[in-house]
Protein backbone atom coordinates (compact mmCIF):
# COMPACT_ATOMS: atom_id res chain seq x y z
CA MET A 1 38.63 -46.61 25.73
CA THR A 2 35.24 -45.08 25.11
CA ALA A 3 32.28 -47.43 25.50
CA LYS A 4 30.00 -47.82 22.54
CA ALA A 5 26.48 -46.40 22.92
CA PRO A 6 23.74 -49.04 23.06
CA ALA A 7 21.97 -49.55 19.74
CA ALA A 8 18.63 -48.55 21.27
CA LEU A 9 20.08 -45.20 22.42
CA VAL A 10 21.52 -44.54 18.97
CA ALA A 11 18.13 -45.25 17.41
CA CYS A 12 16.38 -42.89 19.82
CA VAL A 13 18.84 -40.09 19.11
CA ALA A 14 18.39 -40.58 15.37
CA ALA A 15 14.61 -40.54 15.72
CA LEU A 16 14.76 -37.36 17.81
CA ALA A 17 16.97 -35.69 15.20
CA ALA A 18 14.52 -36.65 12.47
CA LEU A 19 11.61 -35.22 14.42
CA THR A 20 13.52 -31.99 15.05
CA ALA A 21 14.33 -31.69 11.35
CA CYS A 22 10.66 -32.17 10.48
CA ALA A 23 9.69 -29.50 12.99
CA GLU A 24 12.21 -27.07 11.50
CA GLU A 25 11.27 -27.80 7.89
CA PRO A 26 7.46 -27.84 7.47
CA GLU A 27 6.30 -29.69 4.39
CA ASP A 28 3.61 -27.36 3.08
CA GLY A 29 1.32 -24.42 3.82
CA LEU A 30 2.19 -21.00 5.18
CA LEU A 31 5.04 -22.21 7.40
CA ALA A 32 6.75 -24.06 4.56
CA ASP A 33 6.70 -20.98 2.34
CA MET A 34 7.89 -18.80 5.22
CA HIS A 35 10.77 -21.19 5.78
CA ALA A 36 11.57 -20.95 2.06
CA GLY A 37 11.61 -17.16 2.33
CA THR A 38 8.60 -15.84 0.38
CA VAL A 39 4.92 -15.46 1.31
CA ALA A 40 1.97 -14.30 -0.82
CA VAL A 41 -0.56 -12.20 1.11
CA GLY A 42 -3.97 -11.24 -0.26
CA VAL A 43 -5.06 -7.69 0.58
CA LYS A 44 -7.35 -4.98 -0.73
CA TYR A 45 -5.77 -2.30 -2.91
CA ASP A 46 -8.50 0.34 -2.66
CA GLN A 47 -9.46 0.61 1.02
CA PRO A 48 -7.81 3.62 2.70
CA GLY A 49 -6.89 2.88 6.30
CA LEU A 50 -6.99 -0.88 5.72
CA GLY A 51 -5.33 -1.82 2.45
CA LEU A 52 -4.26 0.80 -0.08
CA ARG A 53 -1.75 0.59 -2.92
CA ASP A 54 -0.02 3.89 -3.69
CA PRO A 55 0.95 4.78 -7.28
CA ASP A 56 4.56 3.80 -6.56
CA GLY A 57 3.43 0.33 -5.48
CA THR A 58 3.83 0.93 -1.73
CA MET A 59 1.23 -0.84 0.41
CA ARG A 60 -0.20 0.72 3.55
CA GLY A 61 -3.09 0.37 5.97
CA LEU A 62 -4.07 -1.64 9.05
CA ASP A 63 -4.47 -4.99 7.27
CA VAL A 64 -1.13 -4.55 5.54
CA GLU A 65 0.65 -3.79 8.80
CA ILE A 66 -1.12 -6.61 10.66
CA ALA A 67 0.03 -9.08 8.00
CA ASP A 68 3.61 -7.80 8.09
CA ARG A 69 3.83 -7.85 11.91
CA VAL A 70 2.21 -11.29 12.19
CA LEU A 71 4.69 -12.81 9.76
CA ARG A 72 7.60 -11.21 11.60
CA HIS A 73 6.36 -12.62 14.90
CA VAL A 74 5.89 -16.11 13.42
CA ALA A 75 9.35 -16.01 11.84
CA GLU A 76 10.95 -14.90 15.09
CA ASP A 77 9.15 -17.62 17.05
CA HIS A 78 10.59 -20.22 14.66
CA GLY A 79 14.06 -18.72 14.48
CA TRP A 80 13.72 -17.77 10.81
CA ASP A 81 14.43 -14.56 8.92
CA ALA A 82 11.33 -12.49 8.15
CA PRO A 83 9.99 -13.61 4.76
CA ARG A 84 9.69 -11.45 1.67
CA ILE A 85 6.02 -10.58 1.15
CA THR A 86 4.35 -10.57 -2.25
CA TRP A 87 1.18 -8.46 -1.99
CA THR A 88 -1.68 -9.74 -4.15
CA GLU A 89 -4.88 -7.79 -4.81
CA THR A 90 -7.74 -9.84 -3.39
CA PRO A 91 -11.18 -8.20 -3.70
CA THR A 92 -14.09 -9.42 -1.61
CA GLY A 93 -15.39 -11.84 -4.25
CA ARG A 94 -12.01 -13.53 -4.81
CA ARG A 95 -10.83 -14.19 -1.27
CA GLU A 96 -11.93 -17.83 -0.97
CA THR A 97 -10.94 -18.61 -4.55
CA SER A 98 -7.45 -17.15 -4.08
CA LEU A 99 -6.88 -19.35 -1.04
CA ARG A 100 -8.36 -22.47 -2.60
CA GLN A 101 -6.29 -22.12 -5.77
CA GLY A 102 -3.09 -21.42 -3.84
CA ARG A 103 -2.56 -17.91 -5.22
CA VAL A 104 -1.97 -16.62 -1.70
CA ASN A 105 -0.88 -18.14 1.61
CA MET A 106 -3.20 -15.98 3.64
CA VAL A 107 -5.78 -13.22 3.20
CA VAL A 108 -5.87 -10.11 5.39
CA ALA A 109 -8.53 -8.03 3.69
CA SER A 110 -11.33 -6.78 6.01
CA TYR A 111 -12.21 -10.48 6.21
CA THR A 112 -15.19 -11.03 8.50
CA ILE A 113 -15.29 -14.42 10.22
CA ASN A 114 -18.65 -16.15 9.90
CA GLY A 115 -20.02 -19.68 9.92
CA GLU A 116 -20.46 -19.99 6.17
CA ARG A 117 -16.92 -18.87 5.38
CA ALA A 118 -15.45 -21.01 8.15
CA ARG A 119 -16.58 -24.11 6.23
CA SER A 120 -14.16 -23.29 3.40
CA VAL A 121 -11.50 -21.14 5.12
CA GLN A 122 -9.20 -21.74 8.10
CA PHE A 123 -9.44 -18.54 10.16
CA ALA A 124 -7.02 -17.13 12.69
CA GLY A 125 -8.05 -14.32 14.99
CA PRO A 126 -10.06 -12.15 15.22
CA TYR A 127 -7.86 -9.07 15.61
CA LEU A 128 -10.51 -6.34 15.19
CA LEU A 129 -14.17 -5.77 16.06
CA THR A 130 -16.32 -3.41 14.05
CA HIS A 131 -19.99 -2.65 13.44
CA GLN A 132 -22.00 -1.92 10.35
CA ALA A 133 -22.25 1.81 9.64
CA LEU A 134 -23.14 4.40 7.02
CA LEU A 135 -20.96 6.81 5.08
CA VAL A 136 -22.83 10.00 4.22
CA GLU A 137 -22.02 13.55 3.24
CA VAL A 138 -21.35 15.95 6.13
CA GLY A 139 -24.52 17.96 5.46
CA SER A 140 -26.76 14.90 5.04
CA ASP A 141 -29.82 14.41 7.27
CA VAL A 142 -29.26 10.63 7.21
CA ASP A 143 -28.27 9.56 10.72
CA GLY A 144 -29.75 6.09 11.14
CA LEU A 145 -31.90 3.31 9.75
CA GLU A 146 -35.17 5.20 9.78
CA ASP A 147 -33.67 7.97 7.64
CA LEU A 148 -33.04 5.50 4.81
CA GLU A 149 -36.68 4.99 3.92
CA GLY A 150 -37.06 5.86 0.26
CA ARG A 151 -33.34 6.66 -0.07
CA THR A 152 -30.74 5.00 -2.30
CA LEU A 153 -28.14 2.93 -0.48
CA CYS A 154 -24.94 1.63 -2.08
CA SER A 155 -22.86 -1.42 -1.21
CA VAL A 156 -20.62 -3.92 -2.98
CA THR A 157 -22.22 -6.55 -5.19
CA GLY A 158 -23.01 -9.69 -3.21
CA SER A 159 -22.23 -8.16 0.19
CA THR A 160 -24.42 -8.79 3.22
CA PRO A 161 -24.54 -5.27 4.78
CA ALA A 162 -27.01 -3.86 2.25
CA GLN A 163 -29.22 -6.92 2.61
CA THR A 164 -29.16 -6.50 6.39
CA VAL A 165 -30.38 -2.92 6.02
CA GLN A 166 -33.08 -3.95 3.56
CA GLN A 167 -34.40 -6.51 6.04
CA GLU A 168 -34.85 -3.69 8.56
CA ILE A 169 -35.97 -1.02 6.04
CA PRO A 170 -37.74 -2.71 3.08
CA GLU A 171 -38.38 0.71 1.52
CA VAL A 172 -34.70 1.41 0.93
CA ARG A 173 -33.47 1.32 -2.68
CA LEU A 174 -30.31 -0.71 -3.13
CA ARG A 175 -27.57 -0.05 -5.64
CA GLU A 176 -24.75 -2.57 -5.90
CA LEU A 177 -21.37 -1.66 -7.44
CA PRO A 178 -18.12 -3.67 -7.83
CA THR A 179 -16.10 -1.87 -5.11
CA TYR A 180 -16.62 0.50 -2.20
CA SER A 181 -14.52 3.07 -4.02
CA ASP A 182 -17.20 3.00 -6.73
CA CYS A 183 -19.86 3.52 -4.06
CA VAL A 184 -17.97 6.48 -2.59
CA SER A 185 -17.72 8.05 -6.05
CA ALA A 186 -21.48 7.57 -6.48
CA LEU A 187 -22.07 9.22 -3.10
CA ARG A 188 -19.93 12.22 -3.99
CA SER A 189 -21.73 12.67 -7.31
CA GLY A 190 -25.15 12.51 -5.65
CA GLU A 191 -26.21 9.24 -7.31
CA VAL A 192 -26.74 7.57 -3.91
CA ASP A 193 -27.62 8.90 -0.45
CA ALA A 194 -25.38 6.64 1.63
CA VAL A 195 -22.87 3.81 1.51
CA THR A 196 -23.01 0.92 3.95
CA THR A 197 -20.47 -1.61 5.14
CA ASP A 198 -18.27 -2.01 8.21
CA ALA A 199 -17.27 1.13 10.11
CA ALA A 200 -13.60 0.11 9.77
CA VAL A 201 -13.86 0.28 5.98
CA LEU A 202 -15.84 3.52 5.88
CA ALA A 203 -13.55 5.29 8.37
CA GLY A 204 -10.70 5.34 5.87
CA TYR A 205 -12.80 7.04 3.21
CA ALA A 206 -14.10 9.62 5.69
CA ASP A 207 -10.55 10.33 6.86
CA GLN A 208 -9.54 11.16 3.29
CA GLN A 209 -12.29 13.82 3.01
CA PRO A 210 -13.22 14.86 6.57
CA SER A 211 -14.79 18.13 5.43
CA ARG A 212 -17.15 16.28 3.10
CA LEU A 213 -17.78 12.76 4.42
CA ARG A 214 -18.69 11.35 7.83
CA VAL A 215 -19.44 7.96 9.38
CA THR A 216 -22.57 7.27 11.39
CA GLU A 217 -23.13 4.03 13.27
CA LEU A 218 -26.18 1.87 12.71
CA HIS A 219 -28.32 0.48 15.53
CA ARG A 220 -31.36 -1.74 15.50
CA ARG A 221 -34.71 -0.01 15.67
CA ASN A 222 -35.49 1.43 19.12
CA SER A 223 -32.27 -0.02 20.55
CA ASP A 224 -28.65 0.83 21.30
CA GLU A 225 -27.63 -2.59 19.99
CA PRO A 226 -25.38 -2.39 16.91
CA LEU A 227 -27.00 -3.56 13.69
CA SER A 228 -24.19 -6.08 13.35
CA VAL A 229 -20.91 -7.11 14.99
CA GLU A 230 -18.13 -8.04 12.57
CA ARG A 231 -14.95 -9.85 13.58
CA TYR A 232 -11.98 -9.45 11.24
CA GLY A 233 -9.69 -12.45 10.97
CA ILE A 234 -6.90 -13.81 8.81
CA GLY A 235 -7.91 -16.46 6.30
CA LEU A 236 -5.76 -19.44 5.35
CA ASP A 237 -6.24 -22.57 3.28
CA PRO A 238 -8.69 -24.88 5.13
CA GLY A 239 -6.05 -27.58 5.45
CA ASP A 240 -3.39 -25.29 6.91
CA LYS A 241 -4.09 -25.84 10.60
CA ALA A 242 -0.42 -25.45 11.60
CA GLY A 243 -0.20 -22.12 9.83
CA ALA A 244 -3.42 -20.89 11.43
CA GLN A 245 -2.20 -21.91 14.88
CA ALA A 246 1.07 -20.01 14.38
CA VAL A 247 -0.81 -16.90 13.20
CA ASP A 248 -3.22 -17.17 16.15
CA GLU A 249 -0.31 -17.27 18.57
CA ALA A 250 1.23 -14.19 16.93
CA LEU A 251 -2.07 -12.29 17.12
CA ARG A 252 -2.46 -13.16 20.81
CA GLU A 253 1.03 -11.86 21.50
CA MET A 254 0.30 -8.67 19.56
CA ARG A 255 -2.98 -8.17 21.42
CA ASP A 256 -1.39 -8.71 24.83
CA ASN A 257 1.52 -6.31 24.22
CA GLY A 258 -0.77 -3.59 22.82
CA GLU A 259 0.62 -3.80 19.30
CA ILE A 260 -2.78 -4.29 17.62
CA ALA A 261 -4.33 -1.37 19.51
CA GLU A 262 -1.45 0.86 18.40
CA LEU A 263 -1.84 -0.17 14.76
CA ILE A 264 -5.58 0.52 14.85
CA GLU A 265 -4.97 3.98 16.32
CA GLU A 266 -2.29 4.76 13.73
CA ASN A 267 -4.37 3.68 10.75
CA LEU A 268 -7.99 4.34 11.74
CA GLY A 269 -7.68 6.90 14.52
CA ASP A 270 -10.67 7.08 16.85
CA ALA A 271 -13.14 5.82 14.26
CA PRO A 272 -16.56 5.00 15.75
CA GLY A 273 -17.49 1.34 15.90
CA VAL A 274 -13.90 0.05 15.73
CA SER A 275 -11.88 -1.66 18.50
CA PRO A 276 -9.29 -4.39 19.01
CA ALA A 277 -10.74 -7.87 19.48
CA GLY A 278 -10.40 -9.17 23.02
CA PRO A 279 -9.58 -12.70 24.24
CA GLU A 280 -13.30 -13.48 24.62
CA ASP A 281 -14.01 -12.63 20.97
C-alpha cells in the first residue's frame, strides 16, 4: 500500500507548480507578448546601415538585426519559439510616445541613452558607442568645428547635435528638417554645407555614395576629446523591468560571443567613431 503524502507536502508541491506556471507565462510586457508569439518593434525606416525599409517591405540594418537577434536569444533562454516581429516605423520624435501608448514593445532606433529619456523609458544596453560627426561632400573643406563658422548646418528638428555644435560655434547657421534623409538631400543640392548627428547614422549615408559623401569626426576645440559620446540602447516601457532585464542579458551574451561586433562590421563597416559598447559602458 502506498502511503499518502502529508498535506503540507502536497501544498508545497502545488505552490511550486503555481510559481513555475507564473514564471513560464508572464502577465504583461515584452515577455508576455513574446510568449504569445508576436512582438512589435519600433525602428527607423530611412537610416541606411541602421534601419532601412526596402520597397518590397524587407527591413535591414544594424538596429533591425540587433532586435531580431536579441529576441531570438530571449526566446531561446525561455524555451520559446522565436516570435513573429511586426516592424513599426518610429521616427525620433515618436519613440517615447510609441512606447507609452503601447504601439510597440521595444524601440531599437539609434536610441541614445541619456538621463532625461531614462525618466520615461526603461533602457537595456548599451550595445553601441558612437560620437557626433559631420557628413560633408568629398570635396568640401569642412573638416571640423572651426570650419563651420558662417556655414549652414543641418540636423533633425528638435535634435541635440546641432545645438551642441551651436554652443561651440555660435556663428553657425542651423537648418532643421524632419528627417536626416531630408538633410542629406539638402546637402547634395547645395542648400547646406554639412549634416550633423551620430557617426553611426551618417556612416550609412556615406556608404551609399562613397564617391560623393564622407564622414568627419568632431572634437572639442584644441582637443582630441570627441564632441560627444552617444550610447545606443533598446527602449522599453518604463514599467517593463522584467523585459529590460531579459534584453540586457541577451545583449551581454551577444557582446561576449562577438555577435554585436560582427553585426556592426557587417552593417557599418569600419566607420569612424563607431564601436561595440563594452561592459564598463
